[in-house]
Amino acid sequence: MSTEAVIEIGREAMLVALSLAAPLLVTGLLIGILISLMQAVTQVQEMTLTFIPKILGMVAALAIFMPWMLRTVVGFTSRLLANLSAYGGLGA
């Protein structure tokens, strides 16, 4: 397996990992900002107030994005296995 093939596989794997993590991270960020704004406006500075909305938001985002995430992982894996012979793997 050439160096270029390894770099390409690693690059694509990192892009897939980032794209899978992005919806959950953005959801957590937006909920955190909204809770922080609400705490600043109401002057309620309870640190535990942020955990439950974030957890519920993350679970909801995971439920919404899970089909897309699964298709993305399956697509990456099938492309990787289909090109295995081109990379000099088992089929060569």
PDB file of N, CA and C in Angstrom:
ATOM      1  N   MET A   1       0.859  -1.171   0.000  1.00  0.00           N
ATOM      2  CA  MET A   1       0.000   0.000   0.000  1.00  0.00           C
ATOM      3  C   MET A   1       0.900   1.227   0.000  1.00  0.00           C
ATOM      4  N   SER A   2       0.609   2.120  -0.906  1.00  0.00           N
ATOM      5  CA  SER A   2       1.457   3.296  -1.042  1.00  0.00           C
ATOM      6  C   SER A   2       1.139   4.328   0.034  1.00  0.00           C
ATOM      7  N   THR A   3       2.057   5.241   0.195  1.00  0.00           N
ATOM      8  CA  THR A   3       1.887   6.319   1.179  1.00  0.00           C
ATOM      9  C   THR A   3       0.698   7.194   0.824  1.00  0.00           C
ATOM     10  N   GLU A   4       0.523   7.452  -0.463  1.00  0.00           N
ATOM     11  CA  GLU A   4      -0.600   8.284  -0.902  1.00  0.00           C
ATOM     12  C   GLU A   4      -1.935   7.639  -0.567  1.00  0.00           C
ATOM     13  N   ALA A   5      -2.017   6.309  -0.721  1.00  0.00           N
ATOM     14  CA  ALA A   5      -3.263   5.604  -0.411  1.00  0.00           C
ATOM     15  C   ALA A   5      -3.573   5.681   1.077  1.00  0.00           C
ATOM     16  N   VAL A   6      -2.558   5.527   1.902  1.00  0.00           N
ATOM     17  CA  VAL A   6      -2.754   5.607   3.350  1.00  0.00           C
ATOM     18  C   VAL A   6      -3.196   7.013   3.756  1.00  0.00           C
ATOM     19  N   ILE A   7      -2.575   8.016   3.173  1.00  0.00           N
ATOM     20  CA  ILE A   7      -2.945   9.403   3.475  1.00  0.00           C
ATOM     21  C   ILE A   7      -4.378   9.680   3.017  1.00  0.00           C
ATOM     22  N   GLU A   8      -4.746   9.185   1.857  1.00  0.00           N
ATOM     23  CA  GLU A   8      -6.105   9.387   1.340  1.00  0.00           C
ATOM     24  C   GLU A   8      -7.147   8.704   2.233  1.00  0.00           C
ATOM     25  N   ILE A   9      -6.868   7.491   2.658  1.00  0.00           N
ATOM     26  CA  ILE A   9      -7.784   6.782   3.554  1.00  0.00           C
ATOM     27  C   ILE A   9      -7.899   7.521   4.883  1.00  0.00           C
ATOM     28  N   GLY A  10      -6.783   7.959   5.415  1.00  0.00           N
ATOM     29  CA  GLY A  10      -6.807   8.703   6.677  1.00  0.00           C
ATOM     30  C   GLY A  10      -7.538  10.021   6.563  1.00  0.00           C
ATOM     31  N   ARG A  11      -7.335  10.721   5.444  1.00  0.00           N
ATOM     32  CA  ARG A  11      -8.031  12.000   5.228  1.00  0.00           C
ATOM     33  C   ARG A  11      -9.530  11.786   5.145  1.00  0.00           C
ATOM     34  N   GLU A  12      -9.928  10.789   4.389  1.00  0.00           N
ATOM     35  CA  GLU A  12     -11.358  10.525   4.246  1.00  0.00           C
ATOM     36  C   GLU A  12     -11.971  10.067   5.577  1.00  0.00           C
ATOM     37  N   ALA A  13     -11.234   9.276   6.341  1.00  0.00           N
ATOM     38  CA  ALA A  13     -11.737   8.830   7.647  1.00  0.00           C
ATOM     39  C   ALA A  13     -11.916  10.010   8.603  1.00  0.00           C
ATOM     40  N   MET A  14     -10.978  10.945   8.568  1.00  0.00           N
ATOM     41  CA  MET A  14     -11.112  12.124   9.433  1.00  0.00           C
ATOM     42  C   MET A  14     -12.274  13.005   9.001  1.00  0.00           C
ATOM     43  N   LEU A  15     -12.484  13.151   7.708  1.00  0.00           N
ATOM     44  CA  LEU A  15     -13.628  13.936   7.224  1.00  0.00           C
ATOM     45  C   LEU A  15     -14.951  13.285   7.605  1.00  0.00           C
ATOM     46  N   VAL A  16     -15.010  11.964   7.519  1.00  0.00           N
ATOM     47  CA  VAL A  16     -16.231  11.256   7.924  1.00  0.00           C
ATOM     48  C   VAL A  16     -16.465  11.429   9.420  1.00  0.00           C
ATOM     49  N   ALA A  17     -15.409  11.303  10.215  1.00  0.00           N
ATOM     50  CA  ALA A  17     -15.552  11.469  11.665  1.00  0.00           C
ATOM     51  C   ALA A  17     -16.012  12.877  12.024  1.00  0.00           C
ATOM     52  N   LEU A  18     -15.453  13.881  11.367  1.00  0.00           N
ATOM     53  CA  LEU A  18     -15.868  15.266  11.619  1.00  0.00           C
ATOM     54  C   LEU A  18     -17.311  15.502  11.198  1.00  0.00           C
ATOM     55  N   SER A  19     -17.698  14.961  10.058  1.00  0.00           N
ATOM     56  CA  SER A  19     -19.072  15.167   9.610  1.00  0.00           C
ATOM     57  C   SER A  19     -20.067  14.415  10.489  1.00  0.00           C
ATOM     58  N   LEU A  20     -19.664  13.301  11.077  1.00  0.00           N
ATOM     59  CA  LEU A  20     -20.547  12.582  11.989  1.00  0.00           C
ATOM     60  C   LEU A  20     -20.685  13.312  13.327  1.00  0.00           C
ATOM     61  N   ALA A  21     -19.628  13.944  13.776  1.00  0.00           N
ATOM     62  CA  ALA A  21     -19.657  14.629  15.065  1.00  0.00           C
ATOM     63  C   ALA A  21     -20.299  16.003  14.986  1.00  0.00           C
ATOM     64  N   ALA A  22     -20.284  16.622  13.809  1.00  0.00           N
ATOM     65  CA  ALA A  22     -20.739  18.008  13.669  1.00  0.00           C
ATOM     66  C   ALA A  22     -22.182  18.255  14.110  1.00  0.00           C
ATOM     67  N   PRO A  23     -23.164  17.439  13.714  1.00  0.00           N
ATOM     68  CA  PRO A  23     -24.533  17.741  14.143  1.00  0.00           C
ATOM     69  C   PRO A  23     -24.714  17.728  15.659  1.00  0.00           C
ATOM     70  N   LEU A  24     -24.084  16.785  16.327  1.00  0.00           N
ATOM     71  CA  LEU A  24     -24.210  16.711  17.782  1.00  0.00           C
ATOM     72  C   LEU A  24     -23.477  17.866  18.460  1.00  0.00           C
ATOM     73  N   LEU A  25     -22.312  18.206  17.956  1.00  0.00           N
ATOM     74  CA  LEU A  25     -21.562  19.315  18.546  1.00  0.00           C
ATOM     75  C   LEU A  25     -22.269  20.650  18.341  1.00  0.00           C
ATOM     76  N   VAL A  26     -22.830  20.855  17.163  1.00  0.00           N
ATOM     77  CA  VAL A  26     -23.555  22.100  16.897  1.00  0.00           C
ATOM     78  C   VAL A  26     -24.808  22.181  17.762  1.00  0.00           C
ATOM     79  N   THR A  27     -25.494  21.053  17.924  1.00  0.00           N
ATOM     80  CA  THR A  27     -26.673  21.031  18.793  1.00  0.00           C
ATOM     81  C   THR A  27     -26.307  21.397  20.217  1.00  0.00           C
ATOM     82  N   GLY A  28     -25.263  20.795  20.734  1.00  0.00           N
ATOM     83  CA  GLY A  28     -24.817  21.112  22.093  1.00  0.00           C
ATOM     84  C   GLY A  28     -24.388  22.560  22.236  1.00  0.00           C
ATOM     85  N   LEU A  29     -23.730  23.081  21.220  1.00  0.00           N
ATOM     86  CA  LEU A  29     -23.293  24.474  21.245  1.00  0.00           C
ATOM     87  C   LEU A  29     -24.477  25.431  21.266  1.00  0.00           C
ATOM     88  N   LEU A  30     -25.442  25.196  20.383  1.00  0.00           N
ATOM     89  CA  LEU A  30     -26.606  26.076  20.321  1.00  0.00           C
ATOM     90  C   LEU A  30     -27.430  26.030  21.606  1.00  0.00           C
ATOM     91  N   ILE A  31     -27.624  24.845  22.147  1.00  0.00           N
ATOM     92  CA  ILE A  31     -28.370  24.733  23.401  1.00  0.00           C
ATOM     93  C   ILE A  31     -27.605  25.412  24.527  1.00  0.00           C
ATOM     94  N   GLY A  32     -26.304  25.243  24.563  1.00  0.00           N
ATOM     95  CA  GLY A  32     -25.487  25.902  25.580  1.00  0.00           C
ATOM     96  C   GLY A  32     -25.580  27.420  25.504  1.00  0.00           C
ATOM     97  N   ILE A  33     -25.549  27.955  24.283  1.00  0.00           N
ATOM     98  CA  ILE A  33     -25.656  29.404  24.116  1.00  0.00           C
ATOM     99  C   ILE A  33     -27.027  29.901  24.561  1.00  0.00           C
ATOM    100  N   LEU A  34     -28.081  29.175  24.171  1.00  0.00           N
ATOM    101  CA  LEU A  34     -29.430  29.581  24.575  1.00  0.00           C
ATOM    102  C   LEU A  34     -29.607  29.543  26.096  1.00  0.00           C
ATOM    103  N   ILE A  35     -29.098  28.501  26.728  1.00  0.00           N
ATOM    104  CA  ILE A  35     -29.200  28.395  28.189  1.00  0.00           C
ATOM    105  C   ILE A  35     -28.383  29.499  28.855  1.00  0.00           C
ATOM    106  N   SER A  36     -27.225  29.788  28.314  1.00  0.00           N
ATOM    107  CA  SER A  36     -26.391  30.856  28.879  1.00  0.00           C
ATOM    108  C   SER A  36     -27.074  32.215  28.765  1.00  0.00           C
ATOM    109  N   LEU A  37     -27.702  32.464  27.614  1.00  0.00           N
ATOM    110  CA  LEU A  37     -28.441  33.715  27.450  1.00  0.00           C
ATOM    111  C   LEU A  37     -29.606  33.794  28.439  1.00  0.00           C
ATOM    112  N   MET A  38     -30.306  32.685  28.610  1.00  0.00           N
ATOM    113  CA  MET A  38     -31.421  32.666  29.542  1.00  0.00           C
ATOM    114  C   MET A  38     -30.932  32.902  30.976  1.00  0.00           C
ATOM    115  N   GLN A  39     -29.805  32.304  31.313  1.00  0.00           N
ATOM    116  CA  GLN A  39     -29.248  32.502  32.657  1.00  0.00           C
ATOM    117  C   GLN A  39     -28.789  33.941  32.848  1.00  0.00           C
ATOM    118  N   ALA A  40     -28.245  34.541  31.813  1.00  0.00           N
ATOM    119  CA  ALA A  40     -27.791  35.930  31.937  1.00  0.00           C
ATOM    120  C   ALA A  40     -28.974  36.882  32.077  1.00  0.00           C
ATOM    121  N   VAL A  41     -30.043  36.611  31.350  1.00  0.00           N
ATOM    122  CA  VAL A  41     -31.211  37.485  31.410  1.00  0.00           C
ATOM    123  C   VAL A  41     -31.924  37.354  32.751  1.00  0.00           C
ATOM    124  N   THR A  42     -32.075  36.123  33.229  1.00  0.00           N
ATOM    125  CA  THR A  42     -32.811  35.898  34.476  1.00  0.00           C
ATOM    126  C   THR A  42     -31.916  35.962  35.707  1.00  0.00           C
ATOM    127  N   GLN A  43     -30.631  36.038  35.515  1.00  0.00           N
ATOM    128  CA  GLN A  43     -29.642  36.060  36.590  1.00  0.00           C
ATOM    129  C   GLN A  43     -29.725  34.821  37.479  1.00  0.00           C
ATOM    130  N   VAL A  44     -30.130  33.700  36.895  1.00  0.00           N
ATOM    131  CA  VAL A  44     -30.117  32.411  37.590  1.00  0.00           C
ATOM    132  C   VAL A  44     -28.820  31.723  37.176  1.00  0.00           C
ATOM    133  N   GLN A  45     -27.873  31.622  38.070  1.00  0.00           N
ATOM    134  CA  GLN A  45     -26.561  31.072  37.744  1.00  0.00           C
ATOM    135  C   GLN A  45     -26.399  29.663  38.314  1.00  0.00           C
ATOM    136  N   GLU A  46     -27.290  28.790  37.962  1.00  0.00           N
ATOM    137  CA  GLU A  46     -27.230  27.403  38.415  1.00  0.00           C
ATOM    138  C   GLU A  46     -26.508  26.575  37.349  1.00  0.00           C
ATOM    139  N   MET A  47     -25.379  26.000  37.693  1.00  0.00           N
ATOM    140  CA  MET A  47     -24.564  25.272  36.722  1.00  0.00           C
ATOM    141  C   MET A  47     -25.221  23.969  36.270  1.00  0.00           C
ATOM    142  N   THR A  48     -26.007  23.350  37.144  1.00  0.00           N
ATOM    143  CA  THR A  48     -26.626  22.074  36.776  1.00  0.00           C
ATOM    144  C   THR A  48     -27.800  22.256  35.821  1.00  0.00           C
ATOM    145  N   LEU A  49     -28.254  23.492  35.632  1.00  0.00           N
ATOM    146  CA  LEU A  49     -29.385  23.765  34.745  1.00  0.00           C
ATOM    147  C   LEU A  49     -29.063  23.447  33.289  1.00  0.00           C
ATOM    148  N   THR A  50     -27.828  23.491  32.912  1.00  0.00           N
ATOM    149  CA  THR A  50     -27.459  23.281  31.506  1.00  0.00           C
ATOM    150  C   THR A  50     -27.420  21.803  31.118  1.00  0.00           C
ATOM    151  N   PHE A  51     -27.247  20.903  32.061  1.00  0.00           N
ATOM    152  CA  PHE A  51     -27.023  19.504  31.706  1.00  0.00           C
ATOM    153  C   PHE A  51     -28.247  18.821  31.103  1.00  0.00           C
ATOM    154  N   ILE A  52     -29.400  18.955  31.727  1.00  0.00           N
ATOM    155  CA  ILE A  52     -30.592  18.246  31.247  1.00  0.00           C
ATOM    156  C   ILE A  52     -31.012  18.715  29.852  1.00  0.00           C
ATOM    157  N   PRO A  53     -31.110  20.020  29.578  1.00  0.00           N
ATOM    158  CA  PRO A  53     -31.465  20.418  28.204  1.00  0.00           C
ATOM    159  C   PRO A  53     -30.436  19.957  27.164  1.00  0.00           C
ATOM    160  N   LYS A  54     -29.154  19.988  27.528  1.00  0.00           N
ATOM    161  CA  LYS A  54     -28.138  19.527  26.574  1.00  0.00           C
ATOM    162  C   LYS A  54     -28.265  18.037  26.311  1.00  0.00           C
ATOM    163  N   ILE A  55     -28.484  17.264  27.362  1.00  0.00           N
ATOM    164  CA  ILE A  55     -28.626  15.813  27.192  1.00  0.00           C
ATOM    165  C   ILE A  55     -29.844  15.509  26.333  1.00  0.00           C
ATOM    166  N   LEU A  56     -30.973  16.149  26.634  1.00  0.00           N
ATOM    167  CA  LEU A  56     -32.184  15.915  25.845  1.00  0.00           C
ATOM    168  C   LEU A  56     -32.000  16.366  24.398  1.00  0.00           C
ATOM    169  N   GLY A  57     -31.337  17.490  24.191  1.00  0.00           N
ATOM    170  CA  GLY A  57     -31.073  17.969  22.835  1.00  0.00           C
ATOM    171  C   GLY A  57     -30.158  17.035  22.062  1.00  0.00           C
ATOM    172  N   MET A  58     -29.149  16.517  22.735  1.00  0.00           N
ATOM    173  CA  MET A  58     -28.226  15.587  22.074  1.00  0.00           C
ATOM    174  C   MET A  58     -28.927  14.279  21.712  1.00  0.00           C
ATOM    175  N   VAL A  59     -29.777  13.795  22.597  1.00  0.00           N
ATOM    176  CA  VAL A  59     -30.533  12.568  22.299  1.00  0.00           C
ATOM    177  C   VAL A  59     -31.473  12.815  21.121  1.00  0.00           C
ATOM    178  N   ALA A  60     -32.135  13.963  21.106  1.00  0.00           N
ATOM    179  CA  ALA A  60     -33.023  14.294  19.988  1.00  0.00           C
ATOM    180  C   ALA A  60     -32.235  14.419  18.685  1.00  0.00           C
ATOM    181  N   ALA A  61     -31.090  15.090  18.729  1.00  0.00           N
ATOM    182  CA  ALA A  61     -30.262  15.232  17.529  1.00  0.00           C
ATOM    183  C   ALA A  61     -29.763  13.872  17.052  1.00  0.00           C
ATOM    184  N   LEU A  62     -29.404  13.021  17.987  1.00  0.00           N
ATOM    185  CA  LEU A  62     -28.950  11.676  17.622  1.00  0.00           C
ATOM    186  C   LEU A  62     -30.081  10.891  16.967  1.00  0.00           C
ATOM    187  N   ALA A  63     -31.292  11.013  17.498  1.00  0.00           N
ATOM    188  CA  ALA A  63     -32.434  10.317  16.904  1.00  0.00           C
ATOM    189  C   ALA A  63     -32.736  10.858  15.508  1.00  0.00           C
ATOM    190  N   ILE A  64     -32.596  12.152  15.317  1.00  0.00           N
ATOM    191  CA  ILE A  64     -32.889  12.762  14.013  1.00  0.00           C
ATOM    192  C   ILE A  64     -31.813  12.422  12.989  1.00  0.00           C
ATOM    193  N   PHE A  65     -30.555  12.507  13.396  1.00  0.00           N
ATOM    194  CA  PHE A  65     -29.448  12.339  12.449  1.00  0.00           C
ATOM    195  C   PHE A  65     -28.933  10.910  12.335  1.00  0.00           C
ATOM    196  N   MET A  66     -29.436   9.974  13.136  1.00  0.00           N
ATOM    197  CA  MET A  66     -28.914   8.606  13.113  1.00  0.00           C
ATOM    198  C   MET A  66     -29.026   7.944  11.739  1.00  0.00           C
ATOM    199  N   PRO A  67     -30.141   8.055  11.002  1.00  0.00           N
ATOM    200  CA  PRO A  67     -30.163   7.420   9.673  1.00  0.00           C
ATOM    201  C   PRO A  67     -29.085   7.965   8.733  1.00  0.00           C
ATOM    202  N   TRP A  68     -28.899   9.277   8.738  1.00  0.00           N
ATOM    203  CA  TRP A  68     -27.856   9.870   7.902  1.00  0.00           C
ATOM    204  C   TRP A  68     -26.468   9.429   8.352  1.00  0.00           C
ATOM    205  N   MET A  69     -26.255   9.380   9.660  1.00  0.00           N
ATOM    206  CA  MET A  69     -24.954   8.963  10.183  1.00  0.00           C
ATOM    207  C   MET A  69     -24.661   7.513   9.793  1.00  0.00           C
ATOM    208  N   LEU A  70     -25.661   6.674   9.894  1.00  0.00           N
ATOM    209  CA  LEU A  70     -25.488   5.269   9.532  1.00  0.00           C
ATOM    210  C   LEU A  70     -25.184   5.123   8.042  1.00  0.00           C
ATOM    211  N   ARG A  71     -25.916   5.876   7.193  1.00  0.00           N
ATOM    212  CA  ARG A  71     -25.631   5.828   5.749  1.00  0.00           C
ATOM    213  C   ARG A  71     -24.213   6.304   5.445  1.00  0.00           C
ATOM    214  N   THR A  72     -23.755   7.333   6.168  1.00  0.00           N
ATOM    215  CA  THR A  72     -22.412   7.862   5.946  1.00  0.00           C
ATOM    216  C   THR A  72     -21.348   6.828   6.311  1.00  0.00           C
ATOM    217  N   VAL A  73     -21.507   6.180   7.451  1.00  0.00           N
ATOM    218  CA  VAL A  73     -20.520   5.173   7.882  1.00  0.00           C
ATOM    219  C   VAL A  73     -20.544   3.963   6.950  1.00  0.00           C
ATOM    220  N   VAL A  74     -21.732   3.519   6.579  1.00  0.00           N
ATOM    221  CA  VAL A  74     -21.832   2.368   5.675  1.00  0.00           C
ATOM    222  C   VAL A  74     -21.243   2.714   4.305  1.00  0.00           C
ATOM    223  N   GLY A  75     -21.499   3.921   3.826  1.00  0.00           N
ATOM    224  CA  GLY A  75     -20.925   4.344   2.546  1.00  0.00           C
ATOM    225  C   GLY A  75     -19.412   4.386   2.581  1.00  0.00           C
ATOM    226  N   PHE A  76     -18.863   4.942   3.663  1.00  0.00           N
ATOM    227  CA  PHE A  76     -17.402   4.994   3.795  1.00  0.00           C
ATOM    228  C   PHE A  76     -16.816   3.583   3.841  1.00  0.00           C
ATOM    229  N   THR A  77     -17.434   2.716   4.624  1.00  0.00           N
ATOM    230  CA  THR A  77     -16.926   1.354   4.751  1.00  0.00           C
ATOM    231  C   THR A  77     -17.027   0.597   3.436  1.00  0.00           C
ATOM    232  N   SER A  78     -18.148   0.747   2.744  1.00  0.00           N
ATOM    233  CA  SER A  78     -18.284   0.029   1.469  1.00  0.00           C
ATOM    234  C   SER A  78     -17.293   0.554   0.425  1.00  0.00           C
ATOM    235  N   ARG A  79     -17.055   1.883   0.398  1.00  0.00           N
ATOM    236  CA  ARG A  79     -16.041   2.423  -0.529  1.00  0.00           C
ATOM    237  C   ARG A  79     -14.654   1.904  -0.170  1.00  0.00           C
ATOM    238  N   LEU A  80     -14.370   1.838   1.119  1.00  0.00           N
ATOM    239  CA  LEU A  80     -13.067   1.354   1.555  1.00  0.00           C
ATOM    240  C   LEU A  80     -12.867  -0.111   1.173  1.00  0.00           C
ATOM    241  N   LEU A  81     -13.888  -0.930   1.403  1.00  0.00           N
ATOM    242  CA  LEU A  81     -13.767  -2.348   1.073  1.00  0.00           C
ATOM    243  C   LEU A  81     -13.773  -2.584  -0.431  1.00  0.00           C
ATOM    244  N   ALA A  82     -14.529  -1.770  -1.183  1.00  0.00           N
ATOM    245  CA  ALA A  82     -14.559  -1.925  -2.638  1.00  0.00           C
ATOM    246  C   ALA A  82     -13.209  -1.555  -3.262  1.00  0.00           C
ATOM    247  N   ASN A  83     -12.534  -0.585  -2.679  1.00  0.00           N
ATOM    248  CA  ASN A  83     -11.249  -0.148  -3.219  1.00  0.00           C
ATOM    249  C   ASN A  83     -10.064  -0.841  -2.560  1.00  0.00           C
ATOM    250  N   LEU A  84     -10.310  -1.843  -1.791  1.00  0.00           N
ATOM    251  CA  LEU A  84      -9.240  -2.532  -1.080  1.00  0.00           C
ATOM    252  C   LEU A  84      -8.220  -3.135  -2.052  1.00  0.00           C
ATOM    253  N   SER A  85      -8.691  -3.687  -3.143  1.00  0.00           N
ATOM    254  CA  SER A  85      -7.755  -4.263  -4.115  1.00  0.00           C
ATOM    255  C   SER A  85      -6.933  -3.161  -4.796  1.00  0.00           C
ATOM    256  N   ALA A  86      -7.539  -1.998  -5.004  1.00  0.00           N
ATOM    257  CA  ALA A  86      -6.796  -0.897  -5.625  1.00  0.00           C
ATOM    258  C   ALA A  86      -5.728  -0.372  -4.690  1.00  0.00           C
ATOM    259  N   TYR A  87      -5.969  -0.497  -3.377  1.00  0.00           N
ATOM    260  CA  TYR A  87      -4.982  -0.039  -2.390  1.00  0.00           C
ATOM    261  C   TYR A  87      -3.883  -1.064  -2.169  1.00  0.00           C
ATOM    262  N   GLY A  88      -4.009  -2.239  -2.784  1.00  0.00           N
ATOM    263  CA  GLY A  88      -2.981  -3.256  -2.613  1.00  0.00           C
ATOM    264  C   GLY A  88      -3.249  -4.164  -1.448  1.00  0.00           C
ATOM    265  N   GLY A  89      -4.519  -4.356  -1.130  1.00  0.00           N
ATOM    266  CA  GLY A  89      -4.898  -5.174   0.014  1.00  0.00           C
ATOM    267  C   GLY A  89      -5.081  -6.632  -0.370  1.00  0.00           C
ATOM    268  N   LEU A  90      -6.173  -7.213   0.056  1.00  0.00           N
ATOM    269  CA  LEU A  90      -6.422  -8.629  -0.091  1.00  0.00           C
ATOM    270  C   LEU A  90      -6.611  -9.075  -1.545  1.00  0.00           C
ATOM    271  N   GLY A  91      -7.203  -8.217  -2.350  1.00  0.00           N
ATOM    272  CA  GLY A  91      -7.498  -8.595  -3.726  1.00  0.00           C
ATOM    273  C   GLY A  91      -6.311  -8.544  -4.663  1.00  0.00           C
ATOM    274  N   ALA A  92      -5.179  -8.045  -4.240  1.00  0.00           N
ATOM    275  CA  ALA A  92      -4.031  -7.889  -5.133  1.00  0.00           C
ATOM    276  C   ALA A  92      -3.208  -9.137  -5.200  1.00  0.00           C
TER     277      ALA A  92
END
